[in-house]
Amino acid sequence: MLMDVPRLFILNETIRNLYFHVSMWFVMMILFTVSLVYSIRYLSGYRYRNDLYARHYAETGFFFGILGYVTGAIWANYTWVTDQGQSLGTILKEPKLIGAAIAVLMYGAYFVLRGSFTDLDKRARVCAVYNIFAYAMLFPSIWIIPRLVGSLHPGAPGSDSGNPALNFNDIDSRLRMVFYPAILGWALLAVWITTLKIRIDLLKDKTLLQDESHS
């Protein structure tokens, strides 16, 4: 081991999950933001390519959101259940987990909505509007409401462990040396995956895109 992990109260060795759980949530927000931009661009010009980009960035963001939720659930099991002895009922009522689940499910509904249309133009328009709505709901469900009520999650009122991701008084400089590059690394990986998926779809829809460019 090159260096010891700076421990925080309750979190202890599990602080290593900061490089995965929190980083993946950051990447999810980045990709959802990019998807939002392309949805707005679609509504301003109705170009099929922008809808394609919006869909794929939302898909990859949704995938990283699932990974963030799973790693968070694992983290909660080790810190809240094992170390603090919290009951399953208390964990299930945790505002941060409920808000995160709502956020992920809203984007899951986005893909269900896309599959319910056969008309390309109508699907793109309706889904672009829904994408804007889903993005707007991310902030109250993940960032605002959980911080207004009592919570076991770090950074919330009543928490004993601070916010090891964003609070400079809590996070050790040695953690930041890995945490910030981890966000960048996961983000670059996510963008690379998304661009590959987009290129594949562009090749499949080459005829449609050519028709659009001539219209």
N, C-alpha and C. Protein backbone atom coordinates (compact mmCIF):
# COMPACT_ATOMS: atom_id res chain seq x y z
N MET A 1 0.84 -1.18 0.00
CA MET A 1 0.00 0.00 0.00
C MET A 1 0.88 1.24 0.00
N LEU A 2 0.72 2.13 -0.96
CA LEU A 2 1.56 3.32 -1.09
C LEU A 2 1.28 4.32 0.01
N MET A 3 0.04 4.49 0.37
CA MET A 3 -0.32 5.44 1.43
C MET A 3 -1.59 4.97 2.13
N ASP A 4 -1.70 5.33 3.39
CA ASP A 4 -2.89 4.99 4.15
C ASP A 4 -4.05 5.88 3.71
N VAL A 5 -5.27 5.34 3.80
CA VAL A 5 -6.45 6.11 3.44
C VAL A 5 -6.86 6.97 4.63
N PRO A 6 -7.00 8.28 4.43
CA PRO A 6 -7.46 9.14 5.53
C PRO A 6 -8.88 8.77 5.94
N ARG A 7 -9.04 8.34 7.16
CA ARG A 7 -10.35 7.87 7.62
C ARG A 7 -11.17 9.02 8.19
N LEU A 8 -12.47 8.92 8.03
CA LEU A 8 -13.41 9.81 8.66
C LEU A 8 -14.26 9.01 9.64
N PHE A 9 -14.87 9.71 10.59
CA PHE A 9 -15.71 9.05 11.58
C PHE A 9 -16.84 8.29 10.88
N ILE A 10 -17.05 7.05 11.27
CA ILE A 10 -18.06 6.13 10.75
C ILE A 10 -17.63 5.53 9.41
N LEU A 11 -17.15 6.36 8.48
CA LEU A 11 -16.81 5.86 7.15
C LEU A 11 -15.60 4.95 7.16
N ASN A 12 -14.55 5.35 7.92
CA ASN A 12 -13.34 4.53 8.04
C ASN A 12 -12.79 4.10 6.68
N GLU A 13 -12.49 2.80 6.51
CA GLU A 13 -11.90 2.32 5.26
C GLU A 13 -12.85 2.44 4.06
N THR A 14 -14.15 2.49 4.33
CA THR A 14 -15.10 2.57 3.22
C THR A 14 -15.03 3.90 2.48
N ILE A 15 -14.24 4.85 2.99
CA ILE A 15 -14.06 6.12 2.31
C ILE A 15 -13.52 5.91 0.90
N ARG A 16 -12.90 4.75 0.63
CA ARG A 16 -12.39 4.44 -0.70
C ARG A 16 -13.51 4.46 -1.75
N ASN A 17 -14.73 4.16 -1.31
CA ASN A 17 -15.85 4.14 -2.24
C ASN A 17 -16.17 5.53 -2.79
N LEU A 18 -15.59 6.56 -2.18
CA LEU A 18 -15.72 7.92 -2.69
C LEU A 18 -15.30 8.00 -4.15
N TYR A 19 -14.27 7.24 -4.52
CA TYR A 19 -13.75 7.27 -5.89
C TYR A 19 -14.71 6.65 -6.90
N PHE A 20 -15.66 5.88 -6.42
CA PHE A 20 -16.60 5.21 -7.31
C PHE A 20 -18.00 5.82 -7.19
N HIS A 21 -18.59 5.73 -6.01
CA HIS A 21 -19.97 6.17 -5.81
C HIS A 21 -20.17 7.64 -6.17
N VAL A 22 -19.42 8.52 -5.55
CA VAL A 22 -19.60 9.96 -5.79
C VAL A 22 -19.17 10.34 -7.19
N SER A 23 -18.06 9.75 -7.65
CA SER A 23 -17.57 10.06 -9.00
C SER A 23 -18.61 9.70 -10.06
N MET A 24 -19.26 8.56 -9.89
CA MET A 24 -20.25 8.13 -10.87
C MET A 24 -21.48 9.03 -10.86
N TRP A 25 -21.85 9.55 -9.70
CA TRP A 25 -22.96 10.50 -9.65
C TRP A 25 -22.59 11.79 -10.35
N PHE A 26 -21.33 12.22 -10.19
CA PHE A 26 -20.86 13.40 -10.90
C PHE A 26 -20.95 13.19 -12.41
N VAL A 27 -20.50 12.03 -12.86
CA VAL A 27 -20.53 11.72 -14.29
C VAL A 27 -21.97 11.66 -14.79
N MET A 28 -22.86 11.08 -14.00
CA MET A 28 -24.27 11.04 -14.37
C MET A 28 -24.80 12.45 -14.60
N MET A 29 -24.49 13.37 -13.69
CA MET A 29 -24.97 14.74 -13.84
C MET A 29 -24.37 15.41 -15.06
N ILE A 30 -23.10 15.14 -15.34
CA ILE A 30 -22.45 15.73 -16.53
C ILE A 30 -23.14 15.25 -17.79
N LEU A 31 -23.39 13.93 -17.88
CA LEU A 31 -23.99 13.38 -19.09
C LEU A 31 -25.45 13.81 -19.24
N PHE A 32 -26.18 13.88 -18.15
CA PHE A 32 -27.55 14.37 -18.22
C PHE A 32 -27.59 15.83 -18.66
N THR A 33 -26.60 16.60 -18.24
CA THR A 33 -26.53 18.00 -18.66
C THR A 33 -26.28 18.10 -20.16
N VAL A 34 -25.36 17.28 -20.67
CA VAL A 34 -25.09 17.27 -22.11
C VAL A 34 -26.33 16.84 -22.87
N SER A 35 -27.03 15.82 -22.35
CA SER A 35 -28.27 15.35 -22.98
C SER A 35 -29.31 16.47 -23.02
N LEU A 36 -29.40 17.23 -21.92
CA LEU A 36 -30.33 18.37 -21.87
C LEU A 36 -30.01 19.39 -22.95
N VAL A 37 -28.73 19.69 -23.12
CA VAL A 37 -28.31 20.68 -24.13
C VAL A 37 -28.74 20.23 -25.52
N TYR A 38 -28.55 18.94 -25.82
CA TYR A 38 -28.93 18.45 -27.14
C TYR A 38 -30.45 18.41 -27.32
N SER A 39 -31.19 18.18 -26.25
CA SER A 39 -32.65 18.24 -26.34
C SER A 39 -33.12 19.65 -26.65
N ILE A 40 -32.50 20.62 -26.00
CA ILE A 40 -32.84 22.02 -26.27
C ILE A 40 -32.47 22.38 -27.70
N ARG A 41 -31.32 21.90 -28.15
CA ARG A 41 -30.90 22.17 -29.52
C ARG A 41 -31.85 21.53 -30.53
N TYR A 42 -32.37 20.35 -30.17
CA TYR A 42 -33.34 19.71 -31.07
C TYR A 42 -34.60 20.56 -31.19
N LEU A 43 -35.10 21.03 -30.06
CA LEU A 43 -36.33 21.83 -30.08
C LEU A 43 -36.15 23.16 -30.81
N SER A 44 -34.92 23.63 -30.90
CA SER A 44 -34.68 24.89 -31.60
C SER A 44 -34.49 24.72 -33.10
N GLY A 45 -34.20 23.49 -33.56
CA GLY A 45 -33.98 23.29 -34.99
C GLY A 45 -34.57 22.03 -35.57
N TYR A 46 -35.06 21.13 -34.68
CA TYR A 46 -35.68 19.87 -35.08
C TYR A 46 -34.77 19.03 -36.00
N ARG A 47 -33.51 18.93 -35.60
CA ARG A 47 -32.59 18.09 -36.34
C ARG A 47 -32.48 16.74 -35.64
N TYR A 48 -32.65 15.68 -36.40
CA TYR A 48 -32.67 14.33 -35.84
C TYR A 48 -31.37 14.00 -35.12
N ARG A 49 -30.25 14.49 -35.61
CA ARG A 49 -28.96 14.20 -35.01
C ARG A 49 -28.92 14.64 -33.54
N ASN A 50 -29.51 15.79 -33.24
CA ASN A 50 -29.50 16.27 -31.85
C ASN A 50 -30.31 15.36 -30.93
N ASP A 51 -31.41 14.84 -31.43
CA ASP A 51 -32.20 13.89 -30.64
C ASP A 51 -31.42 12.61 -30.39
N LEU A 52 -30.66 12.19 -31.40
CA LEU A 52 -29.83 10.99 -31.27
C LEU A 52 -28.78 11.17 -30.19
N TYR A 53 -28.11 12.33 -30.20
CA TYR A 53 -27.11 12.64 -29.18
C TYR A 53 -27.74 12.70 -27.79
N ALA A 54 -28.90 13.35 -27.69
CA ALA A 54 -29.57 13.47 -26.40
C ALA A 54 -29.90 12.09 -25.83
N ARG A 55 -30.39 11.21 -26.68
CA ARG A 55 -30.76 9.86 -26.22
C ARG A 55 -29.56 9.10 -25.71
N HIS A 56 -28.47 9.11 -26.45
CA HIS A 56 -27.32 8.30 -26.06
C HIS A 56 -26.62 8.85 -24.82
N TYR A 57 -26.55 10.16 -24.69
CA TYR A 57 -25.95 10.71 -23.47
C TYR A 57 -26.84 10.41 -22.26
N ALA A 58 -28.15 10.41 -22.46
CA ALA A 58 -29.06 10.06 -21.37
C ALA A 58 -28.92 8.58 -21.00
N GLU A 59 -28.73 7.74 -22.00
CA GLU A 59 -28.57 6.30 -21.75
C GLU A 59 -27.32 6.02 -20.92
N THR A 60 -26.20 6.61 -21.32
CA THR A 60 -24.97 6.37 -20.57
C THR A 60 -25.05 7.00 -19.18
N GLY A 61 -25.67 8.19 -19.09
CA GLY A 61 -25.86 8.80 -17.78
C GLY A 61 -26.73 7.95 -16.87
N PHE A 62 -27.76 7.35 -17.45
CA PHE A 62 -28.64 6.46 -16.69
C PHE A 62 -27.87 5.25 -16.18
N PHE A 63 -26.99 4.71 -17.02
CA PHE A 63 -26.16 3.56 -16.62
C PHE A 63 -25.25 3.92 -15.46
N PHE A 64 -24.62 5.09 -15.53
CA PHE A 64 -23.75 5.51 -14.43
C PHE A 64 -24.56 5.86 -13.20
N GLY A 65 -25.80 6.32 -13.38
CA GLY A 65 -26.67 6.55 -12.24
C GLY A 65 -27.00 5.27 -11.51
N ILE A 66 -27.25 4.20 -12.27
CA ILE A 66 -27.50 2.89 -11.65
C ILE A 66 -26.27 2.42 -10.88
N LEU A 67 -25.08 2.58 -11.50
CA LEU A 67 -23.84 2.19 -10.82
C LEU A 67 -23.64 3.01 -9.55
N GLY A 68 -23.95 4.30 -9.62
CA GLY A 68 -23.82 5.15 -8.44
C GLY A 68 -24.78 4.74 -7.34
N TYR A 69 -25.99 4.35 -7.73
CA TYR A 69 -26.97 3.93 -6.73
C TYR A 69 -26.55 2.61 -6.08
N VAL A 70 -26.07 1.68 -6.88
CA VAL A 70 -25.65 0.36 -6.36
C VAL A 70 -24.46 0.52 -5.42
N THR A 71 -23.45 1.28 -5.83
CA THR A 71 -22.29 1.48 -4.96
C THR A 71 -22.68 2.24 -3.69
N GLY A 72 -23.67 3.13 -3.80
CA GLY A 72 -24.15 3.82 -2.61
C GLY A 72 -24.88 2.88 -1.67
N ALA A 73 -25.65 1.94 -2.23
CA ALA A 73 -26.36 0.97 -1.39
C ALA A 73 -25.37 0.05 -0.67
N ILE A 74 -24.32 -0.34 -1.37
CA ILE A 74 -23.29 -1.17 -0.74
C ILE A 74 -22.60 -0.40 0.37
N TRP A 75 -22.31 0.87 0.10
CA TRP A 75 -21.67 1.73 1.10
C TRP A 75 -22.57 1.87 2.33
N ALA A 76 -23.86 2.08 2.09
CA ALA A 76 -24.81 2.22 3.20
C ALA A 76 -24.87 0.96 4.04
N ASN A 77 -24.76 -0.19 3.40
CA ASN A 77 -24.82 -1.45 4.14
C ASN A 77 -23.66 -1.56 5.12
N TYR A 78 -22.48 -1.13 4.70
CA TYR A 78 -21.31 -1.26 5.55
C TYR A 78 -21.22 -0.17 6.62
N THR A 79 -21.73 1.01 6.33
CA THR A 79 -21.60 2.11 7.28
C THR A 79 -22.82 2.26 8.18
N TRP A 80 -24.02 2.19 7.62
CA TRP A 80 -25.23 2.42 8.40
C TRP A 80 -25.73 1.15 9.07
N VAL A 81 -25.62 0.01 8.39
CA VAL A 81 -26.14 -1.24 8.96
C VAL A 81 -25.10 -1.91 9.84
N THR A 82 -23.90 -2.14 9.30
CA THR A 82 -22.88 -2.87 10.04
C THR A 82 -22.30 -2.06 11.18
N ASP A 83 -21.88 -0.81 10.89
CA ASP A 83 -21.19 -0.01 11.90
C ASP A 83 -22.15 0.71 12.85
N GLN A 84 -23.26 1.24 12.33
CA GLN A 84 -24.18 2.00 13.17
C GLN A 84 -25.37 1.19 13.65
N GLY A 85 -25.57 0.01 13.09
CA GLY A 85 -26.65 -0.85 13.55
C GLY A 85 -28.03 -0.35 13.20
N GLN A 86 -28.16 0.41 12.12
CA GLN A 86 -29.48 0.90 11.71
C GLN A 86 -30.32 -0.24 11.14
N SER A 87 -31.63 -0.13 11.31
CA SER A 87 -32.53 -1.16 10.80
C SER A 87 -32.77 -0.96 9.31
N LEU A 88 -33.25 -2.01 8.66
CA LEU A 88 -33.55 -1.94 7.24
C LEU A 88 -34.64 -0.90 6.96
N GLY A 89 -35.62 -0.81 7.87
CA GLY A 89 -36.70 0.15 7.69
C GLY A 89 -36.18 1.58 7.70
N THR A 90 -35.21 1.86 8.56
CA THR A 90 -34.62 3.19 8.61
C THR A 90 -33.87 3.51 7.33
N ILE A 91 -33.16 2.51 6.82
CA ILE A 91 -32.39 2.70 5.59
C ILE A 91 -33.33 2.97 4.42
N LEU A 92 -34.43 2.22 4.35
CA LEU A 92 -35.37 2.39 3.24
C LEU A 92 -36.06 3.75 3.27
N LYS A 93 -36.13 4.37 4.45
CA LYS A 93 -36.74 5.70 4.57
C LYS A 93 -35.74 6.82 4.38
N GLU A 94 -34.50 6.49 4.12
CA GLU A 94 -33.45 7.49 3.96
C GLU A 94 -33.77 8.43 2.80
N PRO A 95 -33.91 9.74 3.05
CA PRO A 95 -34.32 10.70 2.00
C PRO A 95 -33.40 10.71 0.79
N LYS A 96 -32.10 10.57 1.01
CA LYS A 96 -31.16 10.61 -0.11
C LYS A 96 -31.37 9.41 -1.03
N LEU A 97 -31.59 8.24 -0.46
CA LEU A 97 -31.82 7.05 -1.27
C LEU A 97 -33.14 7.14 -2.03
N ILE A 98 -34.17 7.65 -1.36
CA ILE A 98 -35.47 7.80 -2.02
C ILE A 98 -35.37 8.80 -3.16
N GLY A 99 -34.71 9.94 -2.91
CA GLY A 99 -34.55 10.95 -3.95
C GLY A 99 -33.74 10.43 -5.13
N ALA A 100 -32.68 9.67 -4.85
CA ALA A 100 -31.86 9.11 -5.92
C ALA A 100 -32.66 8.10 -6.74
N ALA A 101 -33.47 7.29 -6.05
CA ALA A 101 -34.30 6.31 -6.75
C ALA A 101 -35.31 7.01 -7.66
N ILE A 102 -35.91 8.09 -7.17
CA ILE A 102 -36.86 8.85 -7.98
C ILE A 102 -36.18 9.42 -9.22
N ALA A 103 -34.98 9.96 -9.04
CA ALA A 103 -34.25 10.55 -10.16
C ALA A 103 -33.93 9.51 -11.22
N VAL A 104 -33.47 8.34 -10.79
CA VAL A 104 -33.12 7.28 -11.74
C VAL A 104 -34.37 6.77 -12.44
N LEU A 105 -35.46 6.62 -11.70
CA LEU A 105 -36.70 6.12 -12.30
C LEU A 105 -37.29 7.12 -13.30
N MET A 106 -37.09 8.40 -13.06
CA MET A 106 -37.60 9.40 -14.01
C MET A 106 -36.91 9.26 -15.35
N TYR A 107 -35.61 8.98 -15.32
CA TYR A 107 -34.91 8.78 -16.59
C TYR A 107 -35.20 7.40 -17.18
N GLY A 108 -35.54 6.44 -16.33
CA GLY A 108 -36.01 5.16 -16.85
C GLY A 108 -37.30 5.34 -17.62
N ALA A 109 -38.18 6.23 -17.11
CA ALA A 109 -39.43 6.53 -17.80
C ALA A 109 -39.18 7.22 -19.13
N TYR A 110 -38.07 7.94 -19.22
CA TYR A 110 -37.70 8.61 -20.48
C TYR A 110 -37.52 7.59 -21.59
N PHE A 111 -36.88 6.48 -21.27
CA PHE A 111 -36.65 5.45 -22.29
C PHE A 111 -37.92 4.66 -22.60
N VAL A 112 -38.76 4.48 -21.60
CA VAL A 112 -40.06 3.86 -21.84
C VAL A 112 -40.89 4.73 -22.77
N LEU A 113 -40.83 6.05 -22.53
CA LEU A 113 -41.56 7.00 -23.37
C LEU A 113 -41.06 6.95 -24.82
N ARG A 114 -39.77 6.84 -24.98
CA ARG A 114 -39.21 6.78 -26.34
C ARG A 114 -39.72 5.56 -27.09
N GLY A 115 -39.89 4.47 -26.38
CA GLY A 115 -40.34 3.24 -27.02
C GLY A 115 -41.82 3.20 -27.32
N SER A 116 -42.57 4.20 -26.85
CA SER A 116 -44.01 4.19 -27.05
C SER A 116 -44.45 4.93 -28.31
N PHE A 117 -43.50 5.52 -29.04
CA PHE A 117 -43.81 6.26 -30.26
C PHE A 117 -43.22 5.55 -31.48
N THR A 118 -43.96 5.57 -32.57
CA THR A 118 -43.43 5.05 -33.83
C THR A 118 -43.04 6.18 -34.77
N ASP A 119 -43.69 7.33 -34.61
CA ASP A 119 -43.36 8.49 -35.43
C ASP A 119 -42.09 9.16 -34.87
N LEU A 120 -41.05 9.28 -35.71
CA LEU A 120 -39.77 9.78 -35.25
C LEU A 120 -39.85 11.22 -34.77
N ASP A 121 -40.53 12.07 -35.53
CA ASP A 121 -40.60 13.48 -35.16
C ASP A 121 -41.36 13.69 -33.86
N LYS A 122 -42.49 13.02 -33.73
CA LYS A 122 -43.30 13.16 -32.52
C LYS A 122 -42.54 12.63 -31.31
N ARG A 123 -41.88 11.49 -31.48
CA ARG A 123 -41.11 10.91 -30.39
C ARG A 123 -40.00 11.86 -29.94
N ALA A 124 -39.28 12.42 -30.91
CA ALA A 124 -38.17 13.30 -30.57
C ALA A 124 -38.65 14.56 -29.85
N ARG A 125 -39.77 15.12 -30.29
CA ARG A 125 -40.27 16.36 -29.67
C ARG A 125 -40.76 16.11 -28.24
N VAL A 126 -41.57 15.07 -28.09
CA VAL A 126 -42.12 14.78 -26.76
C VAL A 126 -41.00 14.41 -25.79
N CYS A 127 -40.06 13.61 -26.25
CA CYS A 127 -38.97 13.16 -25.37
C CYS A 127 -38.01 14.30 -25.04
N ALA A 128 -37.85 15.24 -25.95
CA ALA A 128 -37.00 16.39 -25.66
C ALA A 128 -37.61 17.23 -24.54
N VAL A 129 -38.91 17.42 -24.60
CA VAL A 129 -39.60 18.17 -23.55
C VAL A 129 -39.53 17.42 -22.21
N TYR A 130 -39.74 16.11 -22.27
CA TYR A 130 -39.67 15.31 -21.04
C TYR A 130 -38.26 15.32 -20.46
N ASN A 131 -37.26 15.30 -21.33
CA ASN A 131 -35.86 15.32 -20.87
C ASN A 131 -35.58 16.59 -20.08
N ILE A 132 -36.11 17.70 -20.53
CA ILE A 132 -35.94 18.97 -19.80
C ILE A 132 -36.62 18.89 -18.43
N PHE A 133 -37.83 18.32 -18.41
CA PHE A 133 -38.56 18.17 -17.14
C PHE A 133 -37.80 17.25 -16.19
N ALA A 134 -37.31 16.12 -16.69
CA ALA A 134 -36.59 15.16 -15.84
C ALA A 134 -35.33 15.78 -15.26
N TYR A 135 -34.63 16.56 -16.07
CA TYR A 135 -33.40 17.20 -15.59
C TYR A 135 -33.72 18.22 -14.50
N ALA A 136 -34.80 18.97 -14.67
CA ALA A 136 -35.19 19.96 -13.67
C ALA A 136 -35.54 19.30 -12.34
N MET A 137 -36.06 18.08 -12.39
CA MET A 137 -36.45 17.37 -11.18
C MET A 137 -35.27 16.73 -10.47
N LEU A 138 -34.12 16.64 -11.14
CA LEU A 138 -32.94 16.06 -10.51
C LEU A 138 -32.53 16.84 -9.27
N PHE A 139 -32.56 18.15 -9.37
CA PHE A 139 -32.02 18.99 -8.30
C PHE A 139 -32.84 18.92 -7.01
N PRO A 140 -34.17 19.03 -7.06
CA PRO A 140 -34.90 18.86 -5.79
C PRO A 140 -34.85 17.45 -5.23
N SER A 141 -34.83 16.44 -6.10
CA SER A 141 -34.88 15.06 -5.62
C SER A 141 -33.54 14.59 -5.07
N ILE A 142 -32.42 15.09 -5.61
CA ILE A 142 -31.11 14.62 -5.18
C ILE A 142 -30.40 15.61 -4.27
N TRP A 143 -30.47 16.91 -4.58
CA TRP A 143 -29.65 17.88 -3.89
C TRP A 143 -30.40 18.71 -2.85
N ILE A 144 -31.64 19.09 -3.13
CA ILE A 144 -32.31 20.07 -2.28
C ILE A 144 -33.08 19.42 -1.14
N ILE A 145 -34.09 18.60 -1.48
CA ILE A 145 -34.97 18.02 -0.45
C ILE A 145 -34.20 17.18 0.58
N PRO A 146 -33.29 16.27 0.15
CA PRO A 146 -32.56 15.49 1.16
C PRO A 146 -31.74 16.32 2.13
N ARG A 147 -31.33 17.53 1.71
CA ARG A 147 -30.53 18.39 2.59
C ARG A 147 -31.39 19.23 3.54
N LEU A 148 -32.69 19.22 3.32
CA LEU A 148 -33.58 19.99 4.18
C LEU A 148 -34.14 19.18 5.33
N VAL A 149 -33.97 17.87 5.28
CA VAL A 149 -34.51 16.99 6.32
C VAL A 149 -33.39 16.19 6.96
N GLY A 150 -33.68 15.59 8.10
CA GLY A 150 -32.71 14.76 8.78
C GLY A 150 -32.34 13.55 7.95
N SER A 151 -31.05 13.21 7.94
CA SER A 151 -30.58 12.13 7.09
C SER A 151 -29.30 11.53 7.65
N LEU A 152 -29.09 10.26 7.37
CA LEU A 152 -27.84 9.61 7.73
C LEU A 152 -26.74 9.94 6.73
N HIS A 153 -27.14 10.39 5.56
CA HIS A 153 -26.18 10.62 4.49
C HIS A 153 -25.24 11.78 4.84
N PRO A 154 -23.95 11.66 4.51
CA PRO A 154 -23.01 12.75 4.79
C PRO A 154 -23.46 14.06 4.16
N GLY A 155 -23.31 15.14 4.93
CA GLY A 155 -23.65 16.46 4.42
C GLY A 155 -25.05 16.93 4.74
N ALA A 156 -25.90 16.02 5.21
CA ALA A 156 -27.28 16.39 5.51
C ALA A 156 -27.41 16.80 6.98
N PRO A 157 -28.47 17.55 7.33
CA PRO A 157 -28.70 17.89 8.74
C PRO A 157 -28.85 16.64 9.59
N GLY A 158 -28.17 16.60 10.71
CA GLY A 158 -28.21 15.43 11.58
C GLY A 158 -27.14 14.41 11.28
N SER A 159 -26.36 14.61 10.20
CA SER A 159 -25.30 13.68 9.87
C SER A 159 -24.09 13.96 10.74
N ASP A 160 -23.36 12.88 11.09
CA ASP A 160 -22.18 13.01 11.95
C ASP A 160 -20.88 13.00 11.16
N SER A 161 -20.94 12.80 9.87
CA SER A 161 -19.71 12.55 9.12
C SER A 161 -19.40 13.62 8.08
N GLY A 162 -20.15 14.74 8.07
CA GLY A 162 -19.83 15.79 7.12
C GLY A 162 -20.10 15.35 5.69
N ASN A 163 -19.53 16.07 4.75
CA ASN A 163 -19.67 15.72 3.34
C ASN A 163 -18.29 15.49 2.75
N PRO A 164 -17.82 14.24 2.72
CA PRO A 164 -16.45 13.96 2.30
C PRO A 164 -16.20 14.22 0.83
N ALA A 165 -17.22 14.53 0.06
CA ALA A 165 -17.01 14.78 -1.37
C ALA A 165 -16.77 16.25 -1.67
N LEU A 166 -17.51 17.14 -1.00
CA LEU A 166 -17.48 18.54 -1.38
C LEU A 166 -16.96 19.47 -0.30
N ASN A 167 -16.97 19.05 0.94
CA ASN A 167 -16.56 19.92 2.03
C ASN A 167 -15.04 19.84 2.21
N PHE A 168 -14.36 20.96 1.98
CA PHE A 168 -12.90 20.97 2.06
C PHE A 168 -12.41 20.80 3.50
N ASN A 169 -13.30 21.03 4.46
CA ASN A 169 -12.92 20.81 5.84
C ASN A 169 -12.94 19.33 6.22
N ASP A 170 -13.65 18.53 5.44
CA ASP A 170 -13.75 17.10 5.72
C ASP A 170 -12.79 16.28 4.88
N ILE A 171 -12.75 16.55 3.59
CA ILE A 171 -11.97 15.71 2.70
C ILE A 171 -10.48 16.02 2.84
N ASP A 172 -9.68 15.00 2.99
CA ASP A 172 -8.25 15.12 3.12
C ASP A 172 -7.63 15.42 1.75
N SER A 173 -6.55 16.17 1.74
CA SER A 173 -5.89 16.51 0.48
C SER A 173 -5.42 15.27 -0.26
N ARG A 174 -5.09 14.20 0.48
CA ARG A 174 -4.66 12.96 -0.18
C ARG A 174 -5.83 12.28 -0.89
N LEU A 175 -7.04 12.45 -0.36
CA LEU A 175 -8.22 11.93 -1.04
C LEU A 175 -8.50 12.72 -2.31
N ARG A 176 -8.32 14.03 -2.26
CA ARG A 176 -8.57 14.87 -3.43
C ARG A 176 -7.62 14.53 -4.57
N MET A 177 -6.42 14.08 -4.24
CA MET A 177 -5.43 13.71 -5.26
C MET A 177 -5.93 12.57 -6.13
N VAL A 178 -6.81 11.73 -5.58
CA VAL A 178 -7.37 10.60 -6.33
C VAL A 178 -8.80 10.90 -6.78
N PHE A 179 -9.55 11.60 -5.93
CA PHE A 179 -10.97 11.82 -6.19
C PHE A 179 -11.21 12.64 -7.45
N TYR A 180 -10.53 13.76 -7.60
CA TYR A 180 -10.75 14.62 -8.76
C TYR A 180 -10.30 13.96 -10.06
N PRO A 181 -9.12 13.33 -10.10
CA PRO A 181 -8.77 12.58 -11.32
C PRO A 181 -9.74 11.44 -11.61
N ALA A 182 -10.32 10.85 -10.55
CA ALA A 182 -11.29 9.76 -10.75
C ALA A 182 -12.52 10.28 -11.47
N ILE A 183 -12.99 11.46 -11.09
CA ILE A 183 -14.14 12.06 -11.78
C ILE A 183 -13.81 12.28 -13.25
N LEU A 184 -12.63 12.83 -13.52
CA LEU A 184 -12.22 13.07 -14.89
C LEU A 184 -12.11 11.78 -15.67
N GLY A 185 -11.52 10.75 -15.05
CA GLY A 185 -11.35 9.47 -15.73
C GLY A 185 -12.67 8.80 -16.06
N TRP A 186 -13.58 8.77 -15.08
CA TRP A 186 -14.90 8.18 -15.33
C TRP A 186 -15.66 8.98 -16.39
N ALA A 187 -15.53 10.31 -16.35
CA ALA A 187 -16.23 11.15 -17.32
C ALA A 187 -15.72 10.90 -18.74
N LEU A 188 -14.40 10.80 -18.89
CA LEU A 188 -13.83 10.54 -20.21
C LEU A 188 -14.25 9.16 -20.72
N LEU A 189 -14.28 8.18 -19.82
CA LEU A 189 -14.72 6.84 -20.21
C LEU A 189 -16.18 6.87 -20.66
N ALA A 190 -17.01 7.60 -19.92
CA ALA A 190 -18.43 7.68 -20.27
C ALA A 190 -18.64 8.37 -21.61
N VAL A 191 -17.91 9.45 -21.85
CA VAL A 191 -18.04 10.16 -23.13
C VAL A 191 -17.56 9.29 -24.27
N TRP A 192 -16.47 8.55 -24.05
CA TRP A 192 -15.95 7.65 -25.09
C TRP A 192 -16.97 6.58 -25.44
N ILE A 193 -17.58 5.97 -24.42
CA ILE A 193 -18.61 4.95 -24.65
C ILE A 193 -19.78 5.55 -25.43
N THR A 194 -20.19 6.74 -25.04
CA THR A 194 -21.33 7.39 -25.70
C THR A 194 -21.02 7.71 -27.15
N THR A 195 -19.84 8.23 -27.42
CA THR A 195 -19.49 8.57 -28.80
C THR A 195 -19.42 7.33 -29.68
N LEU A 196 -18.98 6.22 -29.12
CA LEU A 196 -18.97 4.97 -29.89
C LEU A 196 -20.39 4.54 -30.25
N LYS A 197 -21.29 4.63 -29.29
CA LYS A 197 -22.70 4.28 -29.55
C LYS A 197 -23.32 5.22 -30.57
N ILE A 198 -22.97 6.49 -30.50
CA ILE A 198 -23.51 7.47 -31.45
C ILE A 198 -23.01 7.17 -32.86
N ARG A 199 -21.73 6.86 -32.98
CA ARG A 199 -21.16 6.57 -34.30
C ARG A 199 -21.80 5.34 -34.93
N ILE A 200 -22.10 4.33 -34.10
CA ILE A 200 -22.76 3.12 -34.60
C ILE A 200 -24.15 3.47 -35.12
N ASP A 201 -24.89 4.27 -34.35
CA ASP A 201 -26.24 4.65 -34.78
C ASP A 201 -26.22 5.54 -36.02
N LEU A 202 -25.22 6.41 -36.11
CA LEU A 202 -25.11 7.27 -37.29
C LEU A 202 -24.86 6.44 -38.55
N LEU A 203 -24.10 5.37 -38.41
CA LEU A 203 -23.87 4.49 -39.55
C LEU A 203 -25.15 3.75 -39.93
N LYS A 204 -25.92 3.35 -38.93
CA LYS A 204 -27.17 2.65 -39.20
C LYS A 204 -28.20 3.58 -39.84
N ASP A 205 -28.22 4.83 -39.39
CA ASP A 205 -29.21 5.79 -39.87
C ASP A 205 -28.62 6.75 -40.90
N LYS A 206 -27.61 6.31 -41.60
CA LYS A 206 -26.91 7.18 -42.55
C LYS A 206 -27.85 7.73 -43.62
N THR A 207 -28.75 6.88 -44.12
CA THR A 207 -29.69 7.33 -45.16
C THR A 207 -30.62 8.41 -44.62
N LEU A 208 -31.13 8.20 -43.40
CA LEU A 208 -32.04 9.17 -42.81
C LEU A 208 -31.34 10.50 -42.57
N LEU A 209 -30.10 10.45 -42.12
CA LEU A 209 -29.36 11.67 -41.85
C LEU A 209 -29.04 12.42 -43.15
N GLN A 210 -28.79 11.67 -44.22
CA GLN A 210 -28.55 12.31 -45.52
C GLN A 210 -29.82 13.01 -46.00
N ASP A 211 -30.97 12.34 -45.82
CA ASP A 211 -32.24 12.95 -46.20
C ASP A 211 -32.49 14.23 -45.41
N GLU A 212 -32.11 14.21 -44.12
CA GLU A 212 -32.31 15.38 -43.29
C GLU A 212 -31.42 16.54 -43.73
N SER A 213 -30.18 16.23 -44.14
CA SER A 213 -29.25 17.28 -44.54
C SER A 213 -29.68 17.96 -45.84
N HIS A 214 -30.47 17.24 -46.67
CA HIS A 214 -30.93 17.80 -47.94
C HIS A 214 -32.27 18.51 -47.81
N SER A 215 -32.92 18.33 -46.64
CA SER A 215 -34.26 18.92 -46.49
C SER A 215 -34.18 20.40 -46.15
